Amino acid sequence: MSSDNGWNFDQLPEKGFDDATKAFRAQLNSARGKGRYVFAILAVLGVAWLASASVFQLEPEEEAILLRLGKPQPDTYGPGLHAKIPFVDQVYSAPVNRQHRLEFGFRSQPDIVTVVDDVGYDVESLMLTGDLMLVHVRWSVVYKIEDIGTWLFKIKDKESTIRDISSAVMRQVVGDYSLEEVLTTAQLEIAGLVHAEMQSALRDKVPTGVKITEIAIKASEVPLGARQAFDDLTRTLAKVQGQLAEAKAEQDNAIGVARRQKNEKVGVAEKHRNQEVENAHGEAAAFRSKAAEYERAPEITRQWMYLQTMTRVLGNLDEKIIVEADGGGVTKHLPLKDFVSFPAEAKR
């Protein structure tokens, strides 16, 4: 017979009450020994749990902040083992040294070349350029946590906030460029502007505690539906640019010819001017010389000048007519040069 408490009365000896009492005491002592053993185990487990609840460990890339009774402590904790007060302190950690990556218009898979999904992510990358053309711009954002307090306690939907701001900034910047620039030469410039604008927004306008380390444009392309129209536009632009180049060459040629003609005429005019100036200087010098001679001998100089002038004037006339002063008549004289011949030696 056994009772509910585990005592087996069927095994009690029949020798009497003393023997029964001894057996009962033996079983009671055995139960007490087992209880102490169980209590010791529970005590060890409690101490182990209390010890584990009093410390916390951070990985090499992590940083943590303690909240003591809900109030953030001023110090931050780096990688390693640290102590805390159980039931009082709460530990909040974040991987501050890890590079976080967000992708727009595509998704990359680990250990596989970046995969662009033209169906599932077109909405993220489709935007409007400054010349009102549609374009797909696929880019990635790499950031790291700079301020763990702001990251943990001042922003709720962290990744969604960063994605929304990056998308808005990229669309705003692309809207300032033409389609041709977005597809060709302006990608690095656009990435730099997005980097600066996005960092300013995430630090001042919407504090998130993150630092942007890289903005990379992976691809930019015309949507499939508008690709044919864009190809036509490209061919037209090439033709127009060729015509503009030809017109520019003709313009440069015409300007060059006009400049050469101008320079030639300016050179002739300057030469003529220099000759006139030199002649004027010579005539002035001759006049001054004659004036000096006239002052020394006025009558002789006046007669000499008269004869010199008449010689020059009469020498250019084919016929000479002399009218006498008293009205006696008119005498025609043939040019003497027609009647006078000089020897060849004299002419030379």
Foldseek 3Di string as FASTA:
>chain_A
DADPVGDDPVPQDPPDDVSNVVVVVVVVVVVVVVVVVVVVVVVVVVVVVQVVQFKDFDDQQKKKWKQFQNRTDPDIDHGGMDTHHHPGIDIDMDRQNDKDKDKAQFAQDPPDPTGGDNPPRQVRQWAAAQVGAIKGWIKMWIKGAQDVVLQPPVDDPQVVVLSVLLSVLLRVLRNDHDLVCCQPPCQVVSFVSSQVVSQCCCVPVNPNRMHTDGMGTPHMGHDPVCVVVVVVVVVVVVVVVVVVVVVVVVVVVVVVVVVVVVVVVVVVVVVVVVVVVVVVVVVVVVVVVLVVVCVVPVVVSVVVVVVVVCCVVVVPDQKDWDQDPVRPDIDIDGDCVVVDDDDPVVVD
